[in-house]
PDB file of N, CA and C in Angstrom:
ATOM      1  N   MET A   1     112.893 147.640 112.145  1.00  0.00           N
ATOM      2  CA  MET A   1     113.274 148.418 113.298  1.00  0.00           C
ATOM      3  C   MET A   1     114.318 147.643 114.102  1.00  0.00           C
ATOM      4  N   ALA A   2     115.328 148.345 114.566  1.00  0.00           N
ATOM      5  CA  ALA A   2     116.406 147.706 115.316  1.00  0.00           C
ATOM      6  C   ALA A   2     115.904 147.223 116.672  1.00  0.00           C
ATOM      7  N   GLU A   3     116.492 146.121 117.117  1.00  0.00           N
ATOM      8  CA  GLU A   3     116.154 145.587 118.426  1.00  0.00           C
ATOM      9  C   GLU A   3     116.724 146.483 119.508  1.00  0.00           C
ATOM     10  N   LYS A   4     115.956 146.663 120.571  1.00  0.00           N
ATOM     11  CA  LYS A   4     116.432 147.465 121.699  1.00  0.00           C
ATOM     12  C   LYS A   4     117.475 146.671 122.474  1.00  0.00           C
ATOM     13  N   PRO A   5     118.553 147.320 122.924  1.00  0.00           N
ATOM     14  CA  PRO A   5     119.524 146.629 123.775  1.00  0.00           C
ATOM     15  C   PRO A   5     118.873 146.213 125.096  1.00  0.00           C
ATOM     16  N   VAL A   6     119.077 144.958 125.480  1.00  0.00           N
ATOM     17  CA  VAL A   6     118.488 144.435 126.713  1.00  0.00           C
ATOM     18  C   VAL A   6     119.482 144.609 127.858  1.00  0.00           C
ATOM     19  N   ILE A   7     119.017 145.236 128.936  1.00  0.00           N
ATOM     20  CA  ILE A   7     119.835 145.487 130.111  1.00  0.00           C
ATOM     21  C   ILE A   7     119.271 144.647 131.258  1.00  0.00           C
ATOM     22  N   LEU A   8     120.099 143.793 131.840  1.00  0.00           N
ATOM     23  CA  LEU A   8     119.676 142.953 132.949  1.00  0.00           C
ATOM     24  C   LEU A   8     119.764 143.757 134.249  1.00  0.00           C
ATOM     25  N   VAL A   9     118.668 143.789 134.999  1.00  0.00           N
ATOM     26  CA  VAL A   9     118.564 144.572 136.227  1.00  0.00           C
ATOM     27  C   VAL A   9     118.349 143.635 137.411  1.00  0.00           C
ATOM     28  N   VAL A  10     119.183 143.791 138.444  1.00  0.00           N
ATOM     29  CA  VAL A  10     119.014 143.034 139.683  1.00  0.00           C
ATOM     30  C   VAL A  10     118.915 144.048 140.816  1.00  0.00           C
ATOM     31  N   GLU A  11     117.689 144.284 141.258  1.00  0.00           N
ATOM     32  CA  GLU A  11     117.420 145.253 142.324  1.00  0.00           C
ATOM     33  C   GLU A  11     116.213 144.763 143.102  1.00  0.00           C
ATOM     34  N   GLU A  12     116.377 144.578 144.411  1.00  0.00           N
ATOM     35  CA  GLU A  12     115.304 144.021 145.227  1.00  0.00           C
ATOM     36  C   GLU A  12     114.307 145.059 145.726  1.00  0.00           C
ATOM     37  N   ASP A  13     114.699 146.315 145.822  1.00  0.00           N
ATOM     38  CA  ASP A  13     113.792 147.365 146.258  1.00  0.00           C
ATOM     39  C   ASP A  13     112.867 147.716 145.098  1.00  0.00           C
ATOM     40  N   SER A  14     111.576 147.469 145.255  1.00  0.00           N
ATOM     41  CA  SER A  14     110.639 147.640 144.137  1.00  0.00           C
ATOM     42  C   SER A  14     110.567 149.079 143.646  1.00  0.00           C
ATOM     43  N   ASP A  15     110.716 150.058 144.545  1.00  0.00           N
ATOM     44  CA  ASP A  15     110.689 151.456 144.115  1.00  0.00           C
ATOM     45  C   ASP A  15     111.902 151.792 143.244  1.00  0.00           C
ATOM     46  N   ILE A  16     113.074 151.367 143.670  1.00  0.00           N
ATOM     47  CA  ILE A  16     114.286 151.610 142.884  1.00  0.00           C
ATOM     48  C   ILE A  16     114.216 150.831 141.576  1.00  0.00           C
ATOM     49  N   GLN A  17     113.744 149.601 141.642  1.00  0.00           N
ATOM     50  CA  GLN A  17     113.615 148.784 140.428  1.00  0.00           C
ATOM     51  C   GLN A  17     112.726 149.497 139.401  1.00  0.00           C
ATOM     52  N   ARG A  18     111.626 150.070 139.859  1.00  0.00           N
ATOM     53  CA  ARG A  18     110.712 150.778 138.959  1.00  0.00           C
ATOM     54  C   ARG A  18     111.407 151.990 138.335  1.00  0.00           C
ATOM     55  N   ILE A  19     112.168 152.732 139.134  1.00  0.00           N
ATOM     56  CA  ILE A  19     112.907 153.897 138.628  1.00  0.00           C
ATOM     57  C   ILE A  19     113.898 153.456 137.556  1.00  0.00           C
ATOM     58  N   VAL A  20     114.631 152.379 137.839  1.00  0.00           N
ATOM     59  CA  VAL A  20     115.623 151.866 136.886  1.00  0.00           C
ATOM     60  C   VAL A  20     114.933 151.413 135.597  1.00  0.00           C
ATOM     61  N   GLU A  21     113.868 150.638 135.738  1.00  0.00           N
ATOM     62  CA  GLU A  21     113.156 150.158 134.553  1.00  0.00           C
ATOM     63  C   GLU A  21     112.612 151.315 133.721  1.00  0.00           C
ATOM     64  N   ASP A  22     111.988 152.298 134.367  1.00  0.00           N
ATOM     65  CA  ASP A  22     111.430 153.444 133.641  1.00  0.00           C
ATOM     66  C   ASP A  22     112.522 154.234 132.929  1.00  0.00           C
ATOM     67  N   ALA A  23     113.643 154.472 133.627  1.00  0.00           N
ATOM     68  CA  ALA A  23     114.741 155.238 133.024  1.00  0.00           C
ATOM     69  C   ALA A  23     115.303 154.513 131.797  1.00  0.00           C
ATOM     70  N   LEU A  24     115.503 153.206 131.919  1.00  0.00           N
ATOM     71  CA  LEU A  24     116.044 152.436 130.793  1.00  0.00           C
ATOM     72  C   LEU A  24     115.062 152.402 129.629  1.00  0.00           C
ATOM     73  N   THR A  25     113.790 152.177 129.927  1.00  0.00           N
ATOM     74  CA  THR A  25     112.769 152.142 128.876  1.00  0.00           C
ATOM     75  C   THR A  25     112.683 153.483 128.158  1.00  0.00           C
ATOM     76  N   ASP A  26     112.643 154.568 128.919  1.00  0.00           N
ATOM     77  CA  ASP A  26     112.558 155.908 128.327  1.00  0.00           C
ATOM     78  C   ASP A  26     113.759 156.223 127.447  1.00  0.00           C
ATOM     79  N   ALA A  27     114.911 155.616 127.754  1.00  0.00           N
ATOM     80  CA  ALA A  27     116.138 155.858 126.991  1.00  0.00           C
ATOM     81  C   ALA A  27     116.282 154.911 125.794  1.00  0.00           C
ATOM     82  N   GLY A  28     115.294 154.030 125.592  1.00  0.00           N
ATOM     83  CA  GLY A  28     115.342 153.148 124.426  1.00  0.00           C
ATOM     84  C   GLY A  28     115.945 151.778 124.685  1.00  0.00           C
ATOM     85  N   PHE A  29     116.134 151.434 125.948  1.00  0.00           N
ATOM     86  CA  PHE A  29     116.634 150.112 126.310  1.00  0.00           C
ATOM     87  C   PHE A  29     115.457 149.226 126.718  1.00  0.00           C
ATOM     88  N   GLU A  30     115.698 147.925 126.746  1.00  0.00           N
ATOM     89  CA  GLU A  30     114.699 146.983 127.233  1.00  0.00           C
ATOM     90  C   GLU A  30     115.205 146.368 128.531  1.00  0.00           C
ATOM     91  N   PRO A  31     114.616 146.739 129.674  1.00  0.00           N
ATOM     92  CA  PRO A  31     115.057 146.141 130.932  1.00  0.00           C
ATOM     93  C   PRO A  31     114.517 144.724 131.091  1.00  0.00           C
ATOM     94  N   ALA A  32     115.356 143.850 131.612  1.00  0.00           N
ATOM     95  CA  ALA A  32     114.956 142.495 131.991  1.00  0.00           C
ATOM     96  C   ALA A  32     115.332 142.350 133.455  1.00  0.00           C
ATOM     97  N   VAL A  33     114.425 141.883 134.288  1.00  0.00           N
ATOM     98  CA  VAL A  33     114.649 141.863 135.726  1.00  0.00           C
ATOM     99  C   VAL A  33     114.946 140.452 136.220  1.00  0.00           C
ATOM    100  N   ALA A  34     115.983 140.341 137.037  1.00  0.00           N
ATOM    101  CA  ALA A  34     116.301 139.100 137.738  1.00  0.00           C
ATOM    102  C   ALA A  34     116.045 139.344 139.219  1.00  0.00           C
ATOM    103  N   ALA A  35     115.542 138.341 139.907  1.00  0.00           N
ATOM    104  CA  ALA A  35     115.163 138.494 141.310  1.00  0.00           C
ATOM    105  C   ALA A  35     116.343 138.372 142.270  1.00  0.00           C
ATOM    106  N   SER A  36     117.458 137.803 141.805  1.00  0.00           N
ATOM    107  CA  SER A  36     118.599 137.571 142.700  1.00  0.00           C
ATOM    108  C   SER A  36     119.879 137.504 141.879  1.00  0.00           C
ATOM    109  N   GLY A  37     121.004 137.523 142.591  1.00  0.00           N
ATOM    110  CA  GLY A  37     122.288 137.341 141.927  1.00  0.00           C
ATOM    111  C   GLY A  37     122.392 135.986 141.261  1.00  0.00           C
ATOM    112  N   GLU A  38     121.839 134.972 141.926  1.00  0.00           N
ATOM    113  CA  GLU A  38     121.875 133.614 141.373  1.00  0.00           C
ATOM    114  C   GLU A  38     121.103 133.543 140.059  1.00  0.00           C
ATOM    115  N   GLU A  39     119.910 134.164 140.034  1.00  0.00           N
ATOM    116  CA  GLU A  39     119.115 134.157 138.803  1.00  0.00           C
ATOM    117  C   GLU A  39     119.825 134.931 137.697  1.00  0.00           C
ATOM    118  N   ALA A  40     120.417 136.061 138.046  1.00  0.00           N
ATOM    119  CA  ALA A  40     121.139 136.855 137.050  1.00  0.00           C
ATOM    120  C   ALA A  40     122.280 136.038 136.438  1.00  0.00           C
ATOM    121  N   PHE A  41     123.034 135.353 137.289  1.00  0.00           N
ATOM    122  CA  PHE A  41     124.145 134.542 136.794  1.00  0.00           C
ATOM    123  C   PHE A  41     123.647 133.449 135.861  1.00  0.00           C
ATOM    124  N   THR A  42     122.551 132.786 136.227  1.00  0.00           N
ATOM    125  CA  THR A  42     121.980 131.736 135.383  1.00  0.00           C
ATOM    126  C   THR A  42     121.548 132.301 134.035  1.00  0.00           C
ATOM    127  N   LEU A  43     120.906 133.462 134.046  1.00  0.00           N
ATOM    128  CA  LEU A  43     120.473 134.087 132.794  1.00  0.00           C
ATOM    129  C   LEU A  43     121.668 134.466 131.928  1.00  0.00           C
ATOM    130  N   LEU A  44     122.683 135.046 132.539  1.00  0.00           N
ATOM    131  CA  LEU A  44     123.873 135.447 131.791  1.00  0.00           C
ATOM    132  C   LEU A  44     124.607 134.241 131.219  1.00  0.00           C
ATOM    133  N   LYS A  45     124.712 133.203 132.023  1.00  0.00           N
ATOM    134  CA  LYS A  45     125.427 132.002 131.586  1.00  0.00           C
ATOM    135  C   LYS A  45     124.740 131.389 130.376  1.00  0.00           C
ATOM    136  N   GLY A  46     123.429 131.385 130.388  1.00  0.00           N
ATOM    137  CA  GLY A  46     122.684 130.760 129.301  1.00  0.00           C
ATOM    138  C   GLY A  46     122.568 131.613 128.053  1.00  0.00           C
ATOM    139  N   ARG A  47     122.565 132.936 128.229  1.00  0.00           N
ATOM    140  CA  ARG A  47     122.307 133.808 127.080  1.00  0.00           C
ATOM    141  C   ARG A  47     123.071 135.114 127.191  1.00  0.00           C
ATOM    142  N   VAL A  48     124.370 135.034 127.400  1.00  0.00           N
ATOM    143  CA  VAL A  48     125.144 136.256 127.622  1.00  0.00           C
ATOM    144  C   VAL A  48     125.041 137.220 126.444  1.00  0.00           C
ATOM    145  N   GLY A  49     124.925 136.716 125.237  1.00  0.00           N
ATOM    146  CA  GLY A  49     124.831 137.591 124.071  1.00  0.00           C
ATOM    147  C   GLY A  49     123.550 138.392 124.019  1.00  0.00           C
ATOM    148  N   ARG A  50     122.531 137.947 124.725  1.00  0.00           N
ATOM    149  CA  ARG A  50     121.247 138.644 124.723  1.00  0.00           C
ATOM    150  C   ARG A  50     121.318 139.932 125.532  1.00  0.00           C
ATOM    151  N   TYR A  51     122.096 139.938 126.592  1.00  0.00           N
ATOM    152  CA  TYR A  51     122.164 141.078 127.495  1.00  0.00           C
ATOM    153  C   TYR A  51     123.357 141.945 127.150  1.00  0.00           C
ATOM    154  N   ARG A  52     123.142 143.262 127.151  1.00  0.00           N
ATOM    155  CA  ARG A  52     124.210 144.189 126.788  1.00  0.00           C
ATOM    156  C   ARG A  52     124.920 144.784 127.998  1.00  0.00           C
ATOM    157  N   ALA A  53     124.250 144.780 129.167  1.00  0.00           N
ATOM    158  CA  ALA A  53     124.849 145.328 130.388  1.00  0.00           C
ATOM    159  C   ALA A  53     124.081 144.800 131.592  1.00  0.00           C
ATOM    160  N   LEU A  54     124.695 144.993 132.760  1.00  0.00           N
ATOM    161  CA  LEU A  54     124.109 144.547 134.023  1.00  0.00           C
ATOM    162  C   LEU A  54     124.040 145.736 134.971  1.00  0.00           C
ATOM    163  N   VAL A  55     122.828 146.021 135.476  1.00  0.00           N
ATOM    164  CA  VAL A  55     122.629 147.025 136.515  1.00  0.00           C
ATOM    165  C   VAL A  55     122.317 146.242 137.778  1.00  0.00           C
ATOM    166  N   LEU A  56     123.142 146.431 138.800  1.00  0.00           N
ATOM    167  CA  LEU A  56     123.207 145.482 139.894  1.00  0.00           C
ATOM    168  C   LEU A  56     123.290 146.156 141.250  1.00  0.00           C
ATOM    169  N   ASP A  57     122.329 145.851 142.122  1.00  0.00           N
ATOM    170  CA  ASP A  57     122.421 146.319 143.502  1.00  0.00           C
ATOM    171  C   ASP A  57     123.512 145.502 144.201  1.00  0.00           C
ATOM    172  N   ILE A  58     124.269 146.121 145.045  1.00  0.00           N
ATOM    173  CA  ILE A  58     125.350 145.424 145.736  1.00  0.00           C
ATOM    174  C   ILE A  58     124.814 144.535 146.856  1.00  0.00           C
ATOM    175  N   ASN A  59     123.838 145.037 147.599  1.00  0.00           N
ATOM    176  CA  ASN A  59     123.303 144.299 148.746  1.00  0.00           C
ATOM    177  C   ASN A  59     122.085 143.497 148.324  1.00  0.00           C
ATOM    178  N   LEU A  60     122.319 142.246 147.992  1.00  0.00           N
ATOM    179  CA  LEU A  60     121.253 141.352 147.551  1.00  0.00           C
ATOM    180  C   LEU A  60     121.003 140.282 148.591  1.00  0.00           C
ATOM    181  N   ARG A  61     119.741 139.853 148.684  1.00  0.00           N
ATOM    182  CA  ARG A  61     119.446 138.707 149.540  1.00  0.00           C
ATOM    183  C   ARG A  61     119.939 137.458 148.819  1.00  0.00           C
ATOM    184  N   GLY A  62     120.105 136.406 149.559  1.00  0.00           N
ATOM    185  CA  GLY A  62     120.570 135.164 148.945  1.00  0.00           C
ATOM    186  C   GLY A  62     122.058 134.977 149.166  1.00  0.00           C
ATOM    187  N   ARG A  63     122.607 133.990 148.497  1.00  0.00           N
ATOM    188  CA  ARG A  63     124.021 133.644 148.688  1.00  0.00           C
ATOM    189  C   ARG A  63     124.966 134.578 147.956  1.00  0.00           C
ATOM    190  N   MET A  64     124.509 135.181 146.872  1.00  0.00           N
ATOM    191  CA  MET A  64     125.406 135.983 146.042  1.00  0.00           C
ATOM    192  C   MET A  64     125.157 137.476 146.232  1.00  0.00           C
ATOM    193  N   SER A  65     126.175 138.176 146.695  1.00  0.00           N
ATOM    194  CA  SER A  65     126.097 139.639 146.762  1.00  0.00           C
ATOM    195  C   SER A  65     126.251 140.197 145.345  1.00  0.00           C
ATOM    196  N   GLY A  66     126.024 141.479 145.224  1.00  0.00           N
ATOM    197  CA  GLY A  66     126.259 142.131 143.947  1.00  0.00           C
ATOM    198  C   GLY A  66     127.713 142.049 143.511  1.00  0.00           C
ATOM    199  N   TRP A  67     128.631 142.112 144.495  1.00  0.00           N
ATOM    200  CA  TRP A  67     130.060 142.004 144.164  1.00  0.00           C
ATOM    201  C   TRP A  67     130.349 140.652 143.513  1.00  0.00           C
ATOM    202  N   ILE A  68     129.843 139.582 144.119  1.00  0.00           N
ATOM    203  CA  ILE A  68     130.080 138.231 143.579  1.00  0.00           C
ATOM    204  C   ILE A  68     129.428 138.086 142.215  1.00  0.00           C
ATOM    205  N   THR A  69     128.206 138.571 142.081  1.00  0.00           N
ATOM    206  CA  THR A  69     127.493 138.480 140.805  1.00  0.00           C
ATOM    207  C   THR A  69     128.268 139.211 139.711  1.00  0.00           C
ATOM    208  N   GLY A  70     128.785 140.394 140.024  1.00  0.00           N
ATOM    209  CA  GLY A  70     129.567 141.153 139.052  1.00  0.00           C
ATOM    210  C   GLY A  70     130.825 140.405 138.616  1.00  0.00           C
ATOM    211  N   ARG A  71     131.519 139.816 139.580  1.00  0.00           N
ATOM    212  CA  ARG A  71     132.733 139.055 139.233  1.00  0.00           C
ATOM    213  C   ARG A  71     132.389 137.838 138.373  1.00  0.00           C
ATOM    214  N   GLN A  72     131.290 137.156 138.705  1.00  0.00           N
ATOM    215  CA  GLN A  72     130.915 135.988 137.908  1.00  0.00           C
ATOM    216  C   GLN A  72     130.474 136.380 136.502  1.00  0.00           C
ATOM    217  N   ALA A  73     129.815 137.516 136.379  1.00  0.00           N
ATOM    218  CA  ALA A  73     129.449 137.998 135.039  1.00  0.00           C
ATOM    219  C   ALA A  73     130.703 138.249 134.206  1.00  0.00           C
ATOM    220  N   ARG A  74     131.738 138.786 134.843  1.00  0.00           N
ATOM    221  CA  ARG A  74     132.988 139.057 134.130  1.00  0.00           C
ATOM    222  C   ARG A  74     133.764 137.778 133.814  1.00  0.00           C
ATOM    223  N   GLU A  75     133.521 136.697 134.552  1.00  0.00           N
ATOM    224  CA  GLU A  75     134.138 135.415 134.185  1.00  0.00           C
ATOM    225  C   GLU A  75     133.525 134.886 132.889  1.00  0.00           C
ATOM    226  N   ILE A  76     132.261 135.176 132.672  1.00  0.00           N
ATOM    227  CA  ILE A  76     131.589 134.765 131.433  1.00  0.00           C
ATOM    228  C   ILE A  76     132.064 135.630 130.272  1.00  0.00           C
ATOM    229  N   ASP A  77     132.117 136.949 130.495  1.00  0.00           N
ATOM    230  CA  ASP A  77     132.543 137.910 129.477  1.00  0.00           C
ATOM    231  C   ASP A  77     133.401 138.971 130.165  1.00  0.00           C
ATOM    232  N   PRO A  78     134.718 138.948 129.960  1.00  0.00           N
ATOM    233  CA  PRO A  78     135.618 139.869 130.665  1.00  0.00           C
ATOM    234  C   PRO A  78     135.350 141.354 130.420  1.00  0.00           C
ATOM    235  N   ALA A  79     134.637 141.690 129.357  1.00  0.00           N
ATOM    236  CA  ALA A  79     134.366 143.094 129.049  1.00  0.00           C
ATOM    237  C   ALA A  79     132.917 143.495 129.331  1.00  0.00           C
ATOM    238  N   PHE A  80     132.156 142.618 129.980  1.00  0.00           N
ATOM    239  CA  PHE A  80     130.729 142.880 130.170  1.00  0.00           C
ATOM    240  C   PHE A  80     130.505 144.149 130.999  1.00  0.00           C
ATOM    241  N   PRO A  81     129.694 145.098 130.507  1.00  0.00           N
ATOM    242  CA  PRO A  81     129.439 146.349 131.228  1.00  0.00           C
ATOM    243  C   PRO A  81     128.617 146.123 132.497  1.00  0.00           C
ATOM    244  N   ILE A  82     129.114 146.658 133.615  1.00  0.00           N
ATOM    245  CA  ILE A  82     128.429 146.502 134.902  1.00  0.00           C
ATOM    246  C   ILE A  82     128.300 147.863 135.574  1.00  0.00           C
ATOM    247  N   ILE A  83     127.063 148.169 135.989  1.00  0.00           N
ATOM    248  CA  ILE A  83     126.781 149.364 136.766  1.00  0.00           C
ATOM    249  C   ILE A  83     126.281 148.892 138.119  1.00  0.00           C
ATOM    250  N   TYR A  84     127.035 149.189 139.166  1.00  0.00           N
ATOM    251  CA  TYR A  84     126.634 148.854 140.531  1.00  0.00           C
ATOM    252  C   TYR A  84     125.797 150.002 141.078  1.00  0.00           C
ATOM    253  N   ILE A  85     124.769 149.665 141.872  1.00  0.00           N
ATOM    254  CA  ILE A  85     124.019 150.687 142.586  1.00  0.00           C
ATOM    255  C   ILE A  85     123.972 150.297 144.063  1.00  0.00           C
ATOM    256  N   THR A  86     124.111 151.311 144.932  1.00  0.00           N
ATOM    257  CA  THR A  86     124.179 151.030 146.366  1.00  0.00           C
ATOM    258  C   THR A  86     123.753 152.237 147.177  1.00  0.00           C
ATOM    259  N   ALA A  87     123.264 151.953 148.362  1.00  0.00           N
ATOM    260  CA  ALA A  87     122.952 153.025 149.302  1.00  0.00           C
ATOM    261  C   ALA A  87     124.117 153.285 150.248  1.00  0.00           C
ATOM    262  N   GLY A  88     124.935 152.254 150.498  1.00  0.00           N
ATOM    263  CA  GLY A  88     125.966 152.472 151.497  1.00  0.00           C
ATOM    264  C   GLY A  88     127.250 151.705 151.335  1.00  0.00           C
ATOM    265  N   ALA A  89     127.379 150.872 150.325  1.00  0.00           N
ATOM    266  CA  ALA A  89     128.585 150.053 150.192  1.00  0.00           C
ATOM    267  C   ALA A  89     129.556 150.601 149.146  1.00  0.00           C
ATOM    268  N   GLY A  90     129.351 151.822 148.731  1.00  0.00           N
ATOM    269  CA  GLY A  90     130.191 152.399 147.681  1.00  0.00           C
ATOM    270  C   GLY A  90     131.663 152.462 148.028  1.00  0.00           C
ATOM    271  N   HIS A  91     131.973 152.604 149.316  1.00  0.00           N
ATOM    272  CA  HIS A  91     133.379 152.681 149.740  1.00  0.00           C
ATOM    273  C   HIS A  91     134.132 151.375 149.454  1.00  0.00           C
ATOM    274  N   GLU A  92     133.397 150.277 149.242  1.00  0.00           N
ATOM    275  CA  GLU A  92     134.033 148.982 148.954  1.00  0.00           C
ATOM    276  C   GLU A  92     134.343 148.796 147.468  1.00  0.00           C
ATOM    277  N   TRP A  93     133.819 149.671 146.623  1.00  0.00           N
ATOM    278  CA  TRP A  93     133.951 149.501 145.183  1.00  0.00           C
ATOM    279  C   TRP A  93     135.394 149.376 144.705  1.00  0.00           C
ATOM    280  N   PRO A  94     136.341 150.201 145.182  1.00  0.00           N
ATOM    281  CA  PRO A  94     137.715 150.063 144.687  1.00  0.00           C
ATOM    282  C   PRO A  94     138.308 148.672 144.922  1.00  0.00           C
ATOM    283  N   SER A  95     137.934 148.015 145.997  1.00  0.00           N
ATOM    284  CA  SER A  95     138.508 146.700 146.280  1.00  0.00           C
ATOM    285  C   SER A  95     137.607 145.546 145.850  1.00  0.00           C
ATOM    286  N   GLN A  96     136.309 145.747 145.789  1.00  0.00           N
ATOM    287  CA  GLN A  96     135.373 144.666 145.492  1.00  0.00           C
ATOM    288  C   GLN A  96     134.828 144.686 144.061  1.00  0.00           C
ATOM    289  N   GLY A  97     134.696 145.861 143.477  1.00  0.00           N
ATOM    290  CA  GLY A  97     134.095 145.976 142.152  1.00  0.00           C
ATOM    291  C   GLY A  97     135.028 145.492 141.055  1.00  0.00           C
ATOM    292  N   VAL A  98     134.440 145.193 139.916  1.00  0.00           N
ATOM    293  CA  VAL A  98     135.260 144.763 138.785  1.00  0.00           C
ATOM    294  C   VAL A  98     135.778 145.988 138.035  1.00  0.00           C
ATOM    295  N   PRO A  99     136.928 145.876 137.365  1.00  0.00           N
ATOM    296  CA  PRO A  99     137.482 147.008 136.614  1.00  0.00           C
ATOM    297  C   PRO A  99     136.524 147.472 135.518  1.00  0.00           C
ATOM    298  N   ASN A 100     136.658 148.748 135.177  1.00  0.00           N
ATOM    299  CA  ASN A 100     135.858 149.347 134.109  1.00  0.00           C
ATOM    300  C   ASN A 100     134.360 149.187 134.344  1.00  0.00           C
ATOM    301  N   SER A 101     133.962 149.361 135.585  1.00  0.00           N
ATOM    302  CA  SER A 101     132.555 149.393 135.945  1.00  0.00           C
ATOM    303  C   SER A 101     132.255 150.792 136.482  1.00  0.00           C
ATOM    304  N   ILE A 102     130.988 151.039 136.744  1.00  0.00           N
ATOM    305  CA  ILE A 102     130.563 152.331 137.284  1.00  0.00           C
ATOM    306  C   ILE A 102     129.722 152.056 138.519  1.00  0.00           C
ATOM    307  N   ILE A 103     129.847 152.915 139.524  1.00  0.00           N
ATOM    308  CA  ILE A 103     129.009 152.796 140.709  1.00  0.00           C
ATOM    309  C   ILE A 103     128.162 154.057 140.850  1.00  0.00           C
ATOM    310  N   LEU A 104     126.898 153.850 141.178  1.00  0.00           N
ATOM    311  CA  LEU A 104     125.976 154.959 141.429  1.00  0.00           C
ATOM    312  C   LEU A 104     125.460 154.837 142.859  1.00  0.00           C
ATOM    313  N   GLN A 105     125.502 155.937 143.588  1.00  0.00           N
ATOM    314  CA  GLN A 105     124.970 155.978 144.944  1.00  0.00           C
ATOM    315  C   GLN A 105     123.478 156.275 144.875  1.00  0.00           C
ATOM    316  N   LYS A 106     122.673 155.505 145.601  1.00  0.00           N
ATOM    317  CA  LYS A 106     121.246 155.808 145.707  1.00  0.00           C
ATOM    318  C   LYS A 106     121.114 157.082 146.531  1.00  0.00           C
ATOM    319  N   GLN A 107     120.345 157.917 146.215  1.00  0.00           N
ATOM    320  CA  GLN A 107     119.326 158.177 145.238  1.00  0.00           C
ATOM    321  C   GLN A 107     119.948 158.899 144.048  1.00  0.00           C
ATOM    322  N   PHE A 108     120.205 158.164 143.018  1.00  0.00           N
ATOM    323  CA  PHE A 108     120.745 158.723 141.790  1.00  0.00           C
ATOM    324  C   PHE A 108     119.589 159.216 140.920  1.00  0.00           C
ATOM    325  N   ALA A 109     119.915 160.126 140.021  1.00  0.00           N
ATOM    326  CA  ALA A 109     118.927 160.604 139.059  1.00  0.00           C
ATOM    327  C   ALA A 109     118.839 159.595 137.916  1.00  0.00           C
ATOM    328  N   PRO A 110     117.653 159.386 137.359  1.00  0.00           N
ATOM    329  CA  PRO A 110     117.533 158.466 136.225  1.00  0.00           C
ATOM    330  C   PRO A 110     118.516 158.788 135.096  1.00  0.00           C
ATOM    331  N   ALA A 111     118.761 160.076 134.854  1.00  0.00           N
ATOM    332  CA  ALA A 111     119.696 160.457 133.796  1.00  0.00           C
ATOM    333  C   ALA A 111     121.111 159.957 134.090  1.00  0.00           C
ATOM    334  N   GLN A 112     121.490 159.891 135.375  1.00  0.00           N
ATOM    335  CA  GLN A 112     122.813 159.368 135.727  1.00  0.00           C
ATOM    336  C   GLN A 112     122.935 157.903 135.341  1.00  0.00           C
ATOM    337  N   LEU A 113     121.875 157.138 135.568  1.00  0.00           N
ATOM    338  CA  LEU A 113     121.883 155.724 135.205  1.00  0.00           C
ATOM    339  C   LEU A 113     122.010 155.558 133.697  1.00  0.00           C
ATOM    340  N   VAL A 114     121.214 156.296 132.951  1.00  0.00           N
ATOM    341  CA  VAL A 114     121.244 156.198 131.485  1.00  0.00           C
ATOM    342  C   VAL A 114     122.618 156.599 130.956  1.00  0.00           C
ATOM    343  N   THR A 115     123.204 157.637 131.523  1.00  0.00           N
ATOM    344  CA  THR A 115     124.542 158.068 131.114  1.00  0.00           C
ATOM    345  C   THR A 115     125.568 156.974 131.396  1.00  0.00           C
ATOM    346  N   ALA A 116     125.481 156.349 132.570  1.00  0.00           N
ATOM    347  CA  ALA A 116     126.424 155.285 132.933  1.00  0.00           C
ATOM    348  C   ALA A 116     126.310 154.104 131.972  1.00  0.00           C
ATOM    349  N   VAL A 117     125.089 153.665 131.687  1.00  0.00           N
ATOM    350  CA  VAL A 117     124.889 152.547 130.762  1.00  0.00           C
ATOM    351  C   VAL A 117     125.429 152.912 129.380  1.00  0.00           C
ATOM    352  N   SER A 118     125.092 154.098 128.909  1.00  0.00           N
ATOM    353  CA  SER A 118     125.540 154.541 127.583  1.00  0.00           C
ATOM    354  C   SER A 118     127.056 154.616 127.495  1.00  0.00           C
ATOM    355  N   GLN A 119     127.691 155.133 128.563  1.00  0.00           N
ATOM    356  CA  GLN A 119     129.159 155.230 128.583  1.00  0.00           C
ATOM    357  C   GLN A 119     129.784 153.859 128.410  1.00  0.00           C
ATOM    358  N   LEU A 120     129.310 152.901 129.174  1.00  0.00           N
ATOM    359  CA  LEU A 120     129.909 151.568 129.118  1.00  0.00           C
ATOM    360  C   LEU A 120     129.604 150.869 127.792  1.00  0.00           C
ATOM    361  N   LEU A 121     128.414 151.050 127.257  1.00  0.00           N
ATOM    362  CA  LEU A 121     128.076 150.407 125.978  1.00  0.00           C
ATOM    363  C   LEU A 121     128.857 151.018 124.816  1.00  0.00           C
ATOM    364  N   ASN A 122     129.176 152.302 124.942  1.00  0.00           N
ATOM    365  CA  ASN A 122     129.909 152.975 123.875  1.00  0.00           C
ATOM    366  C   ASN A 122     131.419 152.896 124.056  1.00  0.00           C
ATOM    367  N   GLY A 123     131.846 152.180 125.084  1.00  0.00           N
ATOM    368  CA  GLY A 123     133.288 151.990 125.292  1.00  0.00           C
ATOM    369  C   GLY A 123     133.989 153.199 125.862  1.00  0.00           C
ATOM    370  N   THR A 124     133.235 154.152 126.397  1.00  0.00           N
ATOM    371  CA  THR A 124     133.852 155.314 127.013  1.00  0.00           C
ATOM    372  C   THR A 124     134.355 154.919 128.392  1.00  0.00           C
ATOM    373  N   PRO A 125     135.605 155.178 128.703  1.00  0.00           N
ATOM    374  CA  PRO A 125     136.117 154.797 130.024  1.00  0.00           C
ATOM    375  C   PRO A 125     135.325 155.483 131.133  1.00  0.00           C
ATOM    376  N   PRO A 126     135.003 154.750 132.197  1.00  0.00           N
ATOM    377  CA  PRO A 126     134.315 155.352 133.334  1.00  0.00           C
ATOM    378  C   PRO A 126     135.157 156.462 133.953  1.00  0.00           C
ATOM    379  N   THR A 127     134.481 157.471 134.506  1.00  0.00           N
ATOM    380  CA  THR A 127     135.200 158.568 135.148  1.00  0.00           C
ATOM    381  C   THR A 127     135.102 158.453 136.635  1.00  0.00           C
TER     382      THR A 127
END
């Protein structure tokens, strides 16, 4: 049986995290959760080949915002798929987000998340 693609999730709101994890699991992905941008960066740096995409809240506690975490992930792998999720910082995406990423406004439908991840993994340009 083929290995499930592992998607790294960084979301501090436990309710949203559960929605993201359930949606990814139901779609055949394996979610892996990082507690902060710093932890996500450490995981990516050590095992970037293990993770197929990053689902990332923009407003994170700690030193690294989602914007910084996304940019650092792209320094490791310039083509790494990134899906940003936010309740209110979406207007900053054109200037802060990395190219060829997708942003989802909370409260998104689980199907929107799965579609975004699938689009980026399949090389379909974001719309």
